[in-house]
N, C-alpha and C. Protein backbone atom coordinates (compact mmCIF):
# COMPACT_ATOMS: atom_id res chain seq x y z
N ARG A 1 -67.57 5.36 29.51
CA ARG A 1 -68.66 4.46 29.15
C ARG A 1 -68.23 3.03 29.42
N LYS A 2 -69.13 2.29 29.93
CA LYS A 2 -68.89 0.87 30.13
C LYS A 2 -70.13 0.15 29.63
N ASN A 3 -69.95 -0.81 28.76
CA ASN A 3 -71.09 -1.53 28.17
C ASN A 3 -72.11 -0.56 27.58
N GLY A 4 -71.62 0.52 26.96
CA GLY A 4 -72.50 1.49 26.33
C GLY A 4 -73.20 2.43 27.29
N LYS A 5 -72.86 2.38 28.58
CA LYS A 5 -73.51 3.23 29.57
C LYS A 5 -72.55 4.29 30.07
N ASN A 6 -73.05 5.50 30.25
CA ASN A 6 -72.26 6.57 30.82
C ASN A 6 -72.42 6.48 32.34
N GLU A 7 -71.42 5.92 33.01
CA GLU A 7 -71.52 5.66 34.45
C GLU A 7 -71.66 6.95 35.26
N PHE A 8 -70.97 8.01 34.83
CA PHE A 8 -71.09 9.26 35.58
C PHE A 8 -72.51 9.81 35.50
N LEU A 9 -73.09 9.78 34.32
CA LEU A 9 -74.45 10.30 34.14
C LEU A 9 -75.47 9.50 34.96
N ILE A 10 -75.31 8.21 34.99
CA ILE A 10 -76.19 7.36 35.79
C ILE A 10 -76.06 7.75 37.27
N PHE A 11 -74.82 7.90 37.75
CA PHE A 11 -74.59 8.31 39.14
C PHE A 11 -75.21 9.68 39.40
N TYR A 12 -74.91 10.64 38.53
CA TYR A 12 -75.40 12.01 38.69
C TYR A 12 -76.93 12.04 38.78
N ASN A 13 -77.58 11.32 37.89
CA ASN A 13 -79.04 11.29 37.86
C ASN A 13 -79.65 10.62 39.09
N SER A 14 -78.85 9.83 39.82
CA SER A 14 -79.35 9.16 41.02
C SER A 14 -79.31 10.06 42.25
N LEU A 15 -78.61 11.19 42.15
CA LEU A 15 -78.44 12.08 43.30
C LEU A 15 -79.69 12.91 43.56
N ASN A 16 -79.84 13.37 44.81
CA ASN A 16 -80.93 14.29 45.10
C ASN A 16 -80.59 15.67 44.55
N LYS A 17 -81.56 16.56 44.54
CA LYS A 17 -81.42 17.87 43.90
C LYS A 17 -80.23 18.67 44.45
N LYS A 18 -80.08 18.76 45.76
CA LYS A 18 -78.99 19.54 46.36
C LYS A 18 -77.62 18.98 46.00
N ASP A 19 -77.49 17.64 46.06
CA ASP A 19 -76.21 17.01 45.72
C ASP A 19 -75.88 17.22 44.24
N LYS A 20 -76.89 17.13 43.37
CA LYS A 20 -76.68 17.39 41.94
C LYS A 20 -76.19 18.81 41.72
N GLU A 21 -76.88 19.77 42.33
CA GLU A 21 -76.52 21.19 42.17
C GLU A 21 -75.11 21.47 42.64
N LYS A 22 -74.72 20.91 43.78
CA LYS A 22 -73.39 21.14 44.33
C LYS A 22 -72.32 20.54 43.41
N LEU A 23 -72.52 19.31 42.97
CA LEU A 23 -71.54 18.65 42.10
C LEU A 23 -71.40 19.41 40.78
N LEU A 24 -72.52 19.83 40.21
CA LEU A 24 -72.48 20.60 38.97
C LEU A 24 -71.77 21.94 39.18
N SER A 25 -71.98 22.57 40.33
CA SER A 25 -71.30 23.85 40.60
C SER A 25 -69.79 23.65 40.74
N ILE A 26 -69.37 22.53 41.33
CA ILE A 26 -67.93 22.22 41.44
C ILE A 26 -67.34 22.07 40.03
N ILE A 27 -67.99 21.31 39.18
CA ILE A 27 -67.51 21.10 37.80
C ILE A 27 -67.42 22.45 37.08
N THR A 28 -68.46 23.26 37.19
CA THR A 28 -68.50 24.57 36.54
C THR A 28 -67.38 25.47 37.06
N ASN A 29 -67.16 25.48 38.37
CA ASN A 29 -66.11 26.31 38.96
C ASN A 29 -64.72 25.86 38.54
N VAL A 30 -64.50 24.56 38.44
CA VAL A 30 -63.20 24.06 37.97
C VAL A 30 -62.96 24.54 36.54
N GLU A 31 -63.99 24.44 35.69
CA GLU A 31 -63.86 24.92 34.31
C GLU A 31 -63.59 26.42 34.27
N LYS A 32 -64.28 27.17 35.11
CA LYS A 32 -64.21 28.63 35.10
C LYS A 32 -62.88 29.15 35.67
N TYR A 33 -62.44 28.60 36.81
CA TYR A 33 -61.28 29.14 37.51
C TYR A 33 -59.99 28.38 37.28
N GLY A 34 -60.07 27.18 36.72
CA GLY A 34 -58.87 26.41 36.40
C GLY A 34 -58.41 25.49 37.52
N LEU A 35 -57.48 24.61 37.16
CA LEU A 35 -57.05 23.56 38.08
C LEU A 35 -56.20 24.07 39.24
N ILE A 36 -55.42 25.10 39.02
CA ILE A 36 -54.58 25.61 40.12
C ILE A 36 -55.47 26.10 41.26
N THR A 37 -56.45 26.92 40.93
CA THR A 37 -57.40 27.41 41.94
C THR A 37 -58.21 26.26 42.52
N ALA A 38 -58.63 25.33 41.66
CA ALA A 38 -59.44 24.18 42.11
C ALA A 38 -58.67 23.34 43.14
N ARG A 39 -57.37 23.16 42.91
CA ARG A 39 -56.56 22.38 43.87
C ARG A 39 -56.42 23.14 45.19
N LYS A 40 -56.16 24.45 45.09
CA LYS A 40 -56.02 25.27 46.31
C LYS A 40 -57.29 25.23 47.15
N LEU A 41 -58.44 25.29 46.49
CA LEU A 41 -59.72 25.30 47.20
C LEU A 41 -60.25 23.89 47.48
N GLN A 42 -59.45 22.89 47.13
CA GLN A 42 -59.76 21.48 47.37
C GLN A 42 -61.05 21.01 46.68
N TRP A 43 -61.31 21.58 45.50
CA TRP A 43 -62.41 21.09 44.66
C TRP A 43 -61.97 19.83 43.94
N VAL A 44 -60.66 19.72 43.69
CA VAL A 44 -60.10 18.54 43.04
C VAL A 44 -58.88 18.06 43.81
N LYS A 45 -58.60 16.79 43.66
CA LYS A 45 -57.43 16.20 44.31
C LYS A 45 -56.84 15.17 43.36
N LYS A 46 -55.52 15.21 43.23
CA LYS A 46 -54.83 14.20 42.41
C LYS A 46 -54.77 12.91 43.21
N ILE A 47 -55.17 11.80 42.57
CA ILE A 47 -55.12 10.52 43.27
C ILE A 47 -54.16 9.51 42.62
N ASP A 48 -53.74 9.79 41.40
CA ASP A 48 -52.79 8.92 40.72
C ASP A 48 -52.27 9.69 39.51
N ASN A 49 -51.36 9.09 38.77
CA ASN A 49 -50.87 9.72 37.55
C ASN A 49 -52.03 9.88 36.57
N ASN A 50 -52.37 11.14 36.23
CA ASN A 50 -53.49 11.47 35.35
C ASN A 50 -54.82 10.85 35.81
N LEU A 51 -55.05 10.89 37.11
CA LEU A 51 -56.33 10.47 37.67
C LEU A 51 -56.62 11.36 38.87
N TYR A 52 -57.79 11.99 38.83
CA TYR A 52 -58.15 12.99 39.83
C TYR A 52 -59.56 12.74 40.33
N GLU A 53 -59.90 13.38 41.47
CA GLU A 53 -61.27 13.31 41.92
C GLU A 53 -61.83 14.72 42.11
N LEU A 54 -63.06 14.89 41.66
CA LEU A 54 -63.84 16.10 41.95
C LEU A 54 -64.47 15.87 43.31
N ARG A 55 -64.44 16.89 44.15
CA ARG A 55 -64.88 16.73 45.53
C ARG A 55 -66.09 17.62 45.82
N SER A 56 -67.18 17.00 46.24
CA SER A 56 -68.41 17.74 46.51
C SER A 56 -68.99 17.27 47.84
N LYS A 57 -69.48 18.22 48.63
CA LYS A 57 -70.07 17.86 49.93
C LYS A 57 -71.24 18.78 50.23
N VAL A 58 -72.36 18.17 50.61
CA VAL A 58 -73.54 18.90 51.07
C VAL A 58 -73.90 18.28 52.42
N GLY A 59 -73.68 19.00 53.50
CA GLY A 59 -73.92 18.43 54.83
C GLY A 59 -73.03 17.23 55.04
N THR A 60 -73.64 16.08 55.30
CA THR A 60 -72.84 14.86 55.48
C THR A 60 -72.77 14.03 54.20
N ASN A 61 -73.39 14.50 53.13
CA ASN A 61 -73.34 13.79 51.85
C ASN A 61 -72.06 14.18 51.12
N ILE A 62 -71.20 13.19 50.91
CA ILE A 62 -69.93 13.44 50.23
C ILE A 62 -69.93 12.70 48.90
N GLN A 63 -69.86 13.47 47.81
CA GLN A 63 -69.87 12.89 46.47
C GLN A 63 -68.48 13.07 45.85
N ARG A 64 -68.06 12.09 45.10
CA ARG A 64 -66.80 12.17 44.39
C ARG A 64 -67.04 11.72 42.95
N ALA A 65 -66.26 12.30 42.03
CA ALA A 65 -66.29 11.89 40.63
C ALA A 65 -64.85 11.77 40.18
N ILE A 66 -64.52 10.68 39.54
CA ILE A 66 -63.16 10.42 39.07
C ILE A 66 -63.05 10.90 37.63
N TYR A 67 -61.92 11.57 37.31
CA TYR A 67 -61.72 12.04 35.94
C TYR A 67 -60.25 11.99 35.56
N PHE A 68 -60.00 12.10 34.25
CA PHE A 68 -58.63 12.15 33.74
C PHE A 68 -58.56 13.10 32.56
N HIS A 69 -57.34 13.56 32.28
CA HIS A 69 -57.08 14.51 31.20
C HIS A 69 -56.88 13.75 29.90
N ILE A 70 -57.48 14.26 28.79
CA ILE A 70 -57.24 13.61 27.51
C ILE A 70 -56.38 14.46 26.58
N GLU A 71 -56.72 15.73 26.39
CA GLU A 71 -55.89 16.60 25.56
C GLU A 71 -56.36 18.04 25.72
N ASP A 72 -55.44 18.98 25.52
CA ASP A 72 -55.74 20.40 25.64
C ASP A 72 -56.49 20.67 26.95
N GLU A 73 -57.67 21.23 26.86
CA GLU A 73 -58.48 21.54 28.05
C GLU A 73 -59.61 20.52 28.24
N ASN A 74 -59.43 19.32 27.71
CA ASN A 74 -60.48 18.30 27.74
C ASN A 74 -60.19 17.20 28.76
N TYR A 75 -61.24 16.84 29.47
CA TYR A 75 -61.17 15.82 30.50
C TYR A 75 -62.35 14.88 30.36
N ILE A 76 -62.20 13.67 30.85
CA ILE A 76 -63.28 12.69 30.86
C ILE A 76 -63.59 12.35 32.32
N ILE A 77 -64.86 12.48 32.70
CA ILE A 77 -65.29 12.02 34.02
C ILE A 77 -65.75 10.58 33.85
N THR A 78 -65.08 9.67 34.54
CA THR A 78 -65.36 8.25 34.34
C THR A 78 -66.61 7.80 35.09
N HIS A 79 -66.69 8.16 36.36
CA HIS A 79 -67.81 7.70 37.19
C HIS A 79 -67.83 8.50 38.49
N GLY A 80 -68.88 8.30 39.24
CA GLY A 80 -69.00 8.97 40.53
C GLY A 80 -69.44 7.98 41.59
N PHE A 81 -69.28 8.40 42.84
CA PHE A 81 -69.69 7.56 43.96
C PHE A 81 -69.90 8.42 45.19
N THR A 82 -70.65 7.87 46.13
CA THR A 82 -70.85 8.52 47.42
C THR A 82 -69.78 7.99 48.36
N LYS A 83 -69.05 8.92 48.95
CA LYS A 83 -67.93 8.54 49.80
C LYS A 83 -68.41 8.33 51.23
N LYS A 84 -68.01 7.21 51.82
CA LYS A 84 -68.45 6.89 53.17
C LYS A 84 -67.28 6.76 54.15
N THR A 85 -66.05 6.83 53.64
CA THR A 85 -64.87 6.69 54.50
C THR A 85 -63.90 7.85 54.22
N GLN A 86 -62.89 8.00 55.08
CA GLN A 86 -61.91 9.07 54.91
C GLN A 86 -61.15 8.93 53.59
N LYS A 87 -60.63 7.74 53.33
CA LYS A 87 -59.83 7.52 52.13
C LYS A 87 -60.73 7.15 50.96
N THR A 88 -60.27 7.54 49.77
CA THR A 88 -60.99 7.13 48.56
C THR A 88 -60.81 5.62 48.41
N PRO A 89 -61.92 4.87 48.31
CA PRO A 89 -61.82 3.41 48.22
C PRO A 89 -60.96 2.98 47.01
N ILE A 90 -60.07 2.03 47.26
CA ILE A 90 -59.16 1.55 46.22
C ILE A 90 -59.94 0.98 45.03
N ASP A 91 -61.11 0.37 45.28
CA ASP A 91 -61.92 -0.16 44.18
C ASP A 91 -62.36 0.95 43.23
N GLU A 92 -62.69 2.13 43.79
CA GLU A 92 -63.11 3.27 42.96
C GLU A 92 -61.93 3.80 42.15
N ILE A 93 -60.75 3.85 42.76
CA ILE A 93 -59.54 4.29 42.05
C ILE A 93 -59.24 3.31 40.91
N ASN A 94 -59.28 2.03 41.22
CA ASN A 94 -58.99 1.02 40.20
C ASN A 94 -60.01 1.05 39.07
N HIS A 95 -61.27 1.31 39.41
CA HIS A 95 -62.32 1.41 38.39
C HIS A 95 -62.04 2.60 37.47
N GLY A 96 -61.63 3.73 38.05
CA GLY A 96 -61.26 4.90 37.25
C GLY A 96 -60.09 4.59 36.32
N LYS A 97 -59.09 3.87 36.83
CA LYS A 97 -57.94 3.49 36.01
C LYS A 97 -58.36 2.59 34.86
N GLU A 98 -59.26 1.64 35.16
CA GLU A 98 -59.74 0.71 34.14
C GLU A 98 -60.49 1.47 33.03
N LEU A 99 -61.38 2.38 33.42
CA LEU A 99 -62.14 3.14 32.43
C LEU A 99 -61.22 4.06 31.63
N ARG A 100 -60.21 4.64 32.28
CA ARG A 100 -59.23 5.47 31.57
C ARG A 100 -58.48 4.63 30.54
N ARG A 101 -58.03 3.44 30.96
CA ARG A 101 -57.29 2.54 30.07
C ARG A 101 -58.15 2.16 28.86
N GLU A 102 -59.43 1.82 29.12
CA GLU A 102 -60.34 1.46 28.02
C GLU A 102 -60.52 2.62 27.05
N TYR A 103 -60.70 3.82 27.59
CA TYR A 103 -60.90 4.99 26.73
C TYR A 103 -59.66 5.22 25.87
N LEU A 104 -58.49 5.21 26.48
CA LEU A 104 -57.26 5.49 25.74
C LEU A 104 -56.96 4.41 24.71
N THR A 105 -57.27 3.15 25.03
CA THR A 105 -57.06 2.04 24.09
C THR A 105 -58.00 2.18 22.90
N ASP A 106 -59.28 2.50 23.16
CA ASP A 106 -60.25 2.68 22.07
C ASP A 106 -59.87 3.86 21.18
N LYS A 107 -59.33 4.91 21.79
CA LYS A 107 -58.95 6.11 21.06
C LYS A 107 -57.82 5.83 20.06
N GLU A 108 -56.92 4.91 20.44
CA GLU A 108 -55.78 4.58 19.57
C GLU A 108 -56.20 3.77 18.35
N LYS A 109 -57.35 3.11 18.43
CA LYS A 109 -57.79 2.23 17.32
C LYS A 109 -58.29 3.03 16.14
């Protein structure tokens, strides 16, 4: 959440029907089959220490969602974006780090 807004939900709701369905199926499959299988099948990719991306593609539409682990089997999806280049944009990685830092700082209070 940033300024009281759930950035991932806003992003998700902006997607067309096919992109929404694919991204939701990726999230569901990661939950169902676990991270080891998800990494092998390239549904998720580690991008930093405790920062990962969910990977979804429908045709030429490439969607990504940044998430991090909080405890046990719980994760927080910080935000999503449409990928237009080969590499994950550094601004998106930094934004995920910032949201993770804010969440963990608020949790300690």
